[in-house]
């Protein structure tokens, strides 16, 4: 169903990625001091990831794992959508932890675990694919990169706010 939608509207994933790259740093810098909201958004961003990767589908598998290395492009709608799928969770995890590298590694490992689970549980009707892992990992890298910019903006804003404060003088 999602694949059909993406094939019919191939502009959706590139537009979503562009929006995340342009708006993400500013929204991310605003979220830095709002841990509870960031955590809730992180949990919410995991819902589509889990639904699109681990919910069983009704199809017969002929191959359990596909090993090939193809970079995602807007013309490869499913691979490009896999990039977009991992940007928000890694971005939000990086903001919550304030450690983009840890979030990046977590995203790459999570993608590998999803692919391994799909390989080990054929009843899901999903096959593992190294291209999915590669696309998800690129999305994790983009999410971590956006987080680096967002954290930098938040730190700059905090410094500017601190510089604007005038220390109170003591009466002698």
C-alpha atoms as a PDB file:
ATOM      1  CA  UNK A   1       0.000   0.000   0.000  1.00  0.00           C
ATOM      2  CA  UNK A   2       2.737   2.489   0.948  1.00  0.00           C
ATOM      3  CA  UNK A   3       4.837   1.393  -2.036  1.00  0.00           C
ATOM      4  CA  UNK A   4       1.879   1.968  -4.348  1.00  0.00           C
ATOM      5  CA  UNK A   5       1.375   5.452  -2.921  1.00  0.00           C
ATOM      6  CA  UNK A   6       5.062   6.287  -3.324  1.00  0.00           C
ATOM      7  CA  UNK A   7       5.161   5.009  -6.897  1.00  0.00           C
ATOM      8  CA  UNK A   8       2.073   7.070  -7.742  1.00  0.00           C
ATOM      9  CA  UNK A   9       3.560  10.160  -6.063  1.00  0.00           C
ATOM     10  CA  UNK A  10       7.350   9.848  -6.373  1.00  0.00           C
ATOM     11  CA  UNK A  11       7.863  13.453  -5.248  1.00  0.00           C
ATOM     12  CA  UNK A  12       6.664  12.737  -1.683  1.00  0.00           C
ATOM     13  CA  UNK A  13       9.876  11.275  -0.246  1.00  0.00           C
ATOM     14  CA  UNK A  14      12.239  13.886  -1.740  1.00  0.00           C
ATOM     15  CA  UNK A  15       9.902  16.647  -0.549  1.00  0.00           C
ATOM     16  CA  UNK A  16       9.768  15.153   2.953  1.00  0.00           C
ATOM     17  CA  UNK A  17      13.558  14.870   3.065  1.00  0.00           C
ATOM     18  CA  UNK A  18      14.005  18.444   1.830  1.00  0.00           C
ATOM     19  CA  UNK A  19      11.557  19.684   4.477  1.00  0.00           C
ATOM     20  CA  UNK A  20      13.411  17.784   7.197  1.00  0.00           C
ATOM     21  CA  UNK A  21      16.771  19.178   6.092  1.00  0.00           C
ATOM     22  CA  UNK A  22      15.506  22.776   5.857  1.00  0.00           C
ATOM     23  CA  UNK A  23      13.198  22.922   8.878  1.00  0.00           C
ATOM     24  CA  UNK A  24      14.823  20.241  11.055  1.00  0.00           C
ATOM     25  CA  UNK A  25      17.707  22.320  12.436  1.00  0.00           C
ATOM     26  CA  UNK A  26      15.390  25.117  13.577  1.00  0.00           C
ATOM     27  CA  UNK A  27      12.737  22.855  15.091  1.00  0.00           C
ATOM     28  CA  UNK A  28      15.516  20.726  16.575  1.00  0.00           C
ATOM     29  CA  UNK A  29      17.195  23.716  18.233  1.00  0.00           C
ATOM     30  CA  UNK A  30      13.834  24.665  19.731  1.00  0.00           C
ATOM     31  CA  UNK A  31      13.362  21.097  21.034  1.00  0.00           C
ATOM     32  CA  UNK A  32      16.776  20.935  22.749  1.00  0.00           C
ATOM     33  CA  UNK A  33      15.486  22.292  26.067  1.00  0.00           C
ATOM     34  CA  UNK A  34      12.229  20.347  25.904  1.00  0.00           C
ATOM     35  CA  UNK A  35      13.232  16.817  26.827  1.00  0.00           C
ATOM     36  CA  UNK A  36       9.759  15.459  27.564  1.00  0.00           C
ATOM     37  CA  UNK A  37       8.359  16.686  24.252  1.00  0.00           C
ATOM     38  CA  UNK A  38      11.420  15.427  22.373  1.00  0.00           C
ATOM     39  CA  UNK A  39      11.042  12.003  24.008  1.00  0.00           C
ATOM     40  CA  UNK A  40       7.356  11.855  23.102  1.00  0.00           C
ATOM     41  CA  UNK A  41       8.124  12.818  19.497  1.00  0.00           C
ATOM     42  CA  UNK A  42      10.875  10.191  19.389  1.00  0.00           C
ATOM     43  CA  UNK A  43       8.411   7.519  20.523  1.00  0.00           C
ATOM     44  CA  UNK A  44       5.909   8.739  17.930  1.00  0.00           C
ATOM     45  CA  UNK A  45       8.556   8.660  15.174  1.00  0.00           C
ATOM     46  CA  UNK A  46       9.271   5.010  15.958  1.00  0.00           C
ATOM     47  CA  UNK A  47       5.667   3.968  15.239  1.00  0.00           C
ATOM     48  CA  UNK A  48       5.861   4.180  11.425  1.00  0.00           C
ATOM     49  CA  UNK A  49       9.326   2.635  11.507  1.00  0.00           C
ATOM     50  CA  UNK A  50       8.048  -0.386  13.431  1.00  0.00           C
ATOM     51  CA  UNK A  51       4.845  -0.673  11.396  1.00  0.00           C
ATOM     52  CA  UNK A  52       6.639  -0.500   8.059  1.00  0.00           C
ATOM     53  CA  UNK A  53       9.389  -2.944   8.983  1.00  0.00           C
ATOM     54  CA  UNK A  54       8.021  -5.491  11.437  1.00  0.00           C
ATOM     55  CA  UNK A  55       4.275  -5.859  10.829  1.00  0.00           C
ATOM     56  CA  UNK A  56       3.610  -9.066   8.885  1.00  0.00           C
ATOM     57  CA  UNK A  57       2.501  -8.795   5.279  1.00  0.00           C
ATOM     58  CA  UNK A  58       0.622 -11.388   3.284  1.00  0.00           C
ATOM     59  CA  UNK A  59       3.078 -12.483   0.620  1.00  0.00           C
ATOM     60  CA  UNK A  60       5.139 -15.485  -0.249  1.00  0.00           C
ATOM     61  CA  UNK A  61       8.901 -15.121  -0.013  1.00  0.00           C
ATOM     62  CA  UNK A  62      11.195 -16.617  -2.605  1.00  0.00           C
ATOM     63  CA  UNK A  63      14.406 -15.163  -1.216  1.00  0.00           C
ATOM     64  CA  UNK A  64      15.111 -14.556   2.433  1.00  0.00           C
ATOM     65  CA  UNK A  65      17.888 -11.991   1.977  1.00  0.00           C
ATOM     66  CA  UNK A  66      18.982  -9.887  -0.939  1.00  0.00           C
ATOM     67  CA  UNK A  67      22.568  -8.704  -1.026  1.00  0.00           C
ATOM     68  CA  UNK A  68      23.209  -5.788  -3.352  1.00  0.00           C
ATOM     69  CA  UNK A  69      24.504  -2.267  -2.953  1.00  0.00           C
ATOM     70  CA  UNK A  70      22.500   0.413  -4.727  1.00  0.00           C
ATOM     71  CA  UNK A  71      22.448   4.007  -3.560  1.00  0.00           C
ATOM     72  CA  UNK A  72      18.996   5.487  -3.026  1.00  0.00           C
ATOM     73  CA  UNK A  73      17.866   8.142  -5.492  1.00  0.00           C
ATOM     74  CA  UNK A  74      14.501   9.880  -5.916  1.00  0.00           C
ATOM     75  CA  UNK A  75      13.863   7.526  -8.856  1.00  0.00           C
ATOM     76  CA  UNK A  76      14.178   4.529  -6.519  1.00  0.00           C
ATOM     77  CA  UNK A  77      11.139   5.482  -4.469  1.00  0.00           C
ATOM     78  CA  UNK A  78      11.228   2.659  -1.935  1.00  0.00           C
ATOM     79  CA  UNK A  79      14.925   3.067  -1.150  1.00  0.00           C
ATOM     80  CA  UNK A  80      14.531   6.842  -0.915  1.00  0.00           C
ATOM     81  CA  UNK A  81      11.581   6.387   1.453  1.00  0.00           C
ATOM     82  CA  UNK A  82      13.832   4.191   3.618  1.00  0.00           C
ATOM     83  CA  UNK A  83      16.227   7.132   3.913  1.00  0.00           C
ATOM     84  CA  UNK A  84      13.407   9.411   5.075  1.00  0.00           C
ATOM     85  CA  UNK A  85      12.104   6.785   7.517  1.00  0.00           C
ATOM     86  CA  UNK A  86      15.231   6.913   9.690  1.00  0.00           C
ATOM     87  CA  UNK A  87      15.843  10.690   9.722  1.00  0.00           C
ATOM     88  CA  UNK A  88      13.292  11.715  12.410  1.00  0.00           C
ATOM     89  CA  UNK A  89      14.077   8.988  14.986  1.00  0.00           C
ATOM     90  CA  UNK A  90      17.833   9.544  14.782  1.00  0.00           C
ATOM     91  CA  UNK A  91      17.421  13.329  14.812  1.00  0.00           C
ATOM     92  CA  UNK A  92      15.171  13.192  17.873  1.00  0.00           C
ATOM     93  CA  UNK A  93      17.348  10.627  19.672  1.00  0.00           C
ATOM     94  CA  UNK A  94      20.407  12.800  19.038  1.00  0.00           C
ATOM     95  CA  UNK A  95      18.617  15.849  20.437  1.00  0.00           C
ATOM     96  CA  UNK A  96      17.427  13.915  23.469  1.00  0.00           C
ATOM     97  CA  UNK A  97      20.855  12.435  24.184  1.00  0.00           C
ATOM     98  CA  UNK A  98      22.742  15.476  22.877  1.00  0.00           C
ATOM     99  CA  UNK A  99      25.062  12.947  21.245  1.00  0.00           C
ATOM    100  CA  UNK A 100      24.548  12.718  17.480  1.00  0.00           C
ATOM    101  CA  UNK A 101      27.226  10.057  17.021  1.00  0.00           C
ATOM    102  CA  UNK A 102      25.571   7.739  19.551  1.00  0.00           C
ATOM    103  CA  UNK A 103      22.200   8.264  17.847  1.00  0.00           C
ATOM    104  CA  UNK A 104      23.779   7.602  14.437  1.00  0.00           C
ATOM    105  CA  UNK A 105      25.304   4.340  15.634  1.00  0.00           C
ATOM    106  CA  UNK A 106      21.996   3.410  17.261  1.00  0.00           C
ATOM    107  CA  UNK A 107      20.166   3.999  13.970  1.00  0.00           C
ATOM    108  CA  UNK A 108      22.641   1.920  11.975  1.00  0.00           C
ATOM    109  CA  UNK A 109      22.482  -0.924  14.506  1.00  0.00           C
ATOM    110  CA  UNK A 110      18.669  -0.716  14.731  1.00  0.00           C
ATOM    111  CA  UNK A 111      18.423  -1.024  10.953  1.00  0.00           C
ATOM    112  CA  UNK A 112      20.733  -4.048  10.973  1.00  0.00           C
ATOM    113  CA  UNK A 113      18.622  -5.639  13.715  1.00  0.00           C
ATOM    114  CA  UNK A 114      15.425  -5.038  11.731  1.00  0.00           C
ATOM    115  CA  UNK A 115      16.946  -6.671   8.650  1.00  0.00           C
ATOM    116  CA  UNK A 116      18.232  -9.602  10.725  1.00  0.00           C
ATOM    117  CA  UNK A 117      14.808 -10.037  12.331  1.00  0.00           C
ATOM    118  CA  UNK A 118      13.159 -10.029   8.901  1.00  0.00           C
ATOM    119  CA  UNK A 119      15.623 -12.714   7.782  1.00  0.00           C
ATOM    120  CA  UNK A 120      15.123 -14.881  10.858  1.00  0.00           C
ATOM    121  CA  UNK A 121      11.313 -14.655  10.949  1.00  0.00           C
ATOM    122  CA  UNK A 122      10.002 -15.604   7.489  1.00  0.00           C
ATOM    123  CA  UNK A 123       6.432 -15.573   8.839  1.00  0.00           C
ATOM    124  CA  UNK A 124       6.603 -11.769   8.601  1.00  0.00           C
ATOM    125  CA  UNK A 125       6.550 -12.083   4.826  1.00  0.00           C
ATOM    126  CA  UNK A 126       9.352  -9.539   4.658  1.00  0.00           C
ATOM    127  CA  UNK A 127      12.776 -10.117   3.235  1.00  0.00           C
ATOM    128  CA  UNK A 128      15.968  -8.562   4.444  1.00  0.00           C
ATOM    129  CA  UNK A 129      17.872  -6.439   1.988  1.00  0.00           C
ATOM    130  CA  UNK A 130      21.267  -4.804   2.284  1.00  0.00           C
ATOM    131  CA  UNK A 131      19.906  -1.911   0.226  1.00  0.00           C
ATOM    132  CA  UNK A 132      17.330  -1.245   2.951  1.00  0.00           C
ATOM    133  CA  UNK A 133      20.084  -1.239   5.570  1.00  0.00           C
ATOM    134  CA  UNK A 134      22.197   1.114   3.440  1.00  0.00           C
ATOM    135  CA  UNK A 135      19.274   3.482   2.843  1.00  0.00           C
ATOM    136  CA  UNK A 136      18.291   3.455   6.508  1.00  0.00           C
ATOM    137  CA  UNK A 137      21.909   4.118   7.491  1.00  0.00           C
ATOM    138  CA  UNK A 138      22.074   7.080   5.118  1.00  0.00           C
ATOM    139  CA  UNK A 139      18.871   8.376   6.719  1.00  0.00           C
ATOM    140  CA  UNK A 140      20.453   7.941  10.149  1.00  0.00           C
ATOM    141  CA  UNK A 141      23.480   9.915   8.947  1.00  0.00           C
ATOM    142  CA  UNK A 142      21.239  12.716   7.658  1.00  0.00           C
ATOM    143  CA  UNK A 143      19.309  12.764  10.959  1.00  0.00           C
ATOM    144  CA  UNK A 144      22.537  12.952  12.957  1.00  0.00           C
ATOM    145  CA  UNK A 145      23.825  15.716  10.675  1.00  0.00           C
ATOM    146  CA  UNK A 146      20.661  17.755  11.175  1.00  0.00           C
ATOM    147  CA  UNK A 147      21.031  17.214  14.930  1.00  0.00           C
ATOM    148  CA  UNK A 148      24.603  18.554  14.865  1.00  0.00           C
ATOM    149  CA  UNK A 149      23.328  21.745  13.225  1.00  0.00           C
ATOM    150  CA  UNK A 150      20.357  21.977  15.620  1.00  0.00           C
ATOM    151  CA  UNK A 151      22.554  21.514  18.688  1.00  0.00           C
ATOM    152  CA  UNK A 152      24.942  24.157  17.340  1.00  0.00           C
ATOM    153  CA  UNK A 153      22.060  26.600  16.839  1.00  0.00           C
ATOM    154  CA  UNK A 154      20.781  25.903  20.354  1.00  0.00           C
ATOM    155  CA  UNK A 155      24.250  26.445  21.857  1.00  0.00           C
ATOM    156  CA  UNK A 156      24.654  29.680  19.921  1.00  0.00           C
ATOM    157  CA  UNK A 157      21.240  30.890  21.095  1.00  0.00           C
ATOM    158  CA  UNK A 158      22.139  30.019  24.693  1.00  0.00           C
ATOM    159  CA  UNK A 159      25.429  31.959  24.442  1.00  0.00           C
ATOM    160  CA  UNK A 160      23.650  34.961  22.940  1.00  0.00           C
ATOM    161  CA  UNK A 161      21.050  34.880  25.698  1.00  0.00           C
ATOM    162  CA  UNK A 162      23.772  34.663  28.355  1.00  0.00           C
ATOM    163  CA  UNK A 163      25.674  37.571  26.780  1.00  0.00           C
ATOM    164  CA  UNK A 164      22.537  39.726  26.785  1.00  0.00           C
ATOM    165  CA  UNK A 165      22.091  39.351  30.518  1.00  0.00           C
ATOM    166  CA  UNK A 166      23.604  42.171  32.512  1.00  0.00           C
ATOM    167  CA  UNK A 167      25.001  41.165  35.882  1.00  0.00           C
ATOM    168  CA  UNK A 168      23.367  42.906  38.805  1.00  0.00           C
ATOM    169  CA  UNK A 169      25.588  45.359  40.643  1.00  0.00           C
ATOM    170  CA  UNK A 170      25.923  45.132  44.385  1.00  0.00           C
ATOM    171  CA  UNK A 171      25.236  48.163  46.491  1.00  0.00           C
ATOM    172  CA  UNK A 172      28.097  48.875  48.878  1.00  0.00           C
END
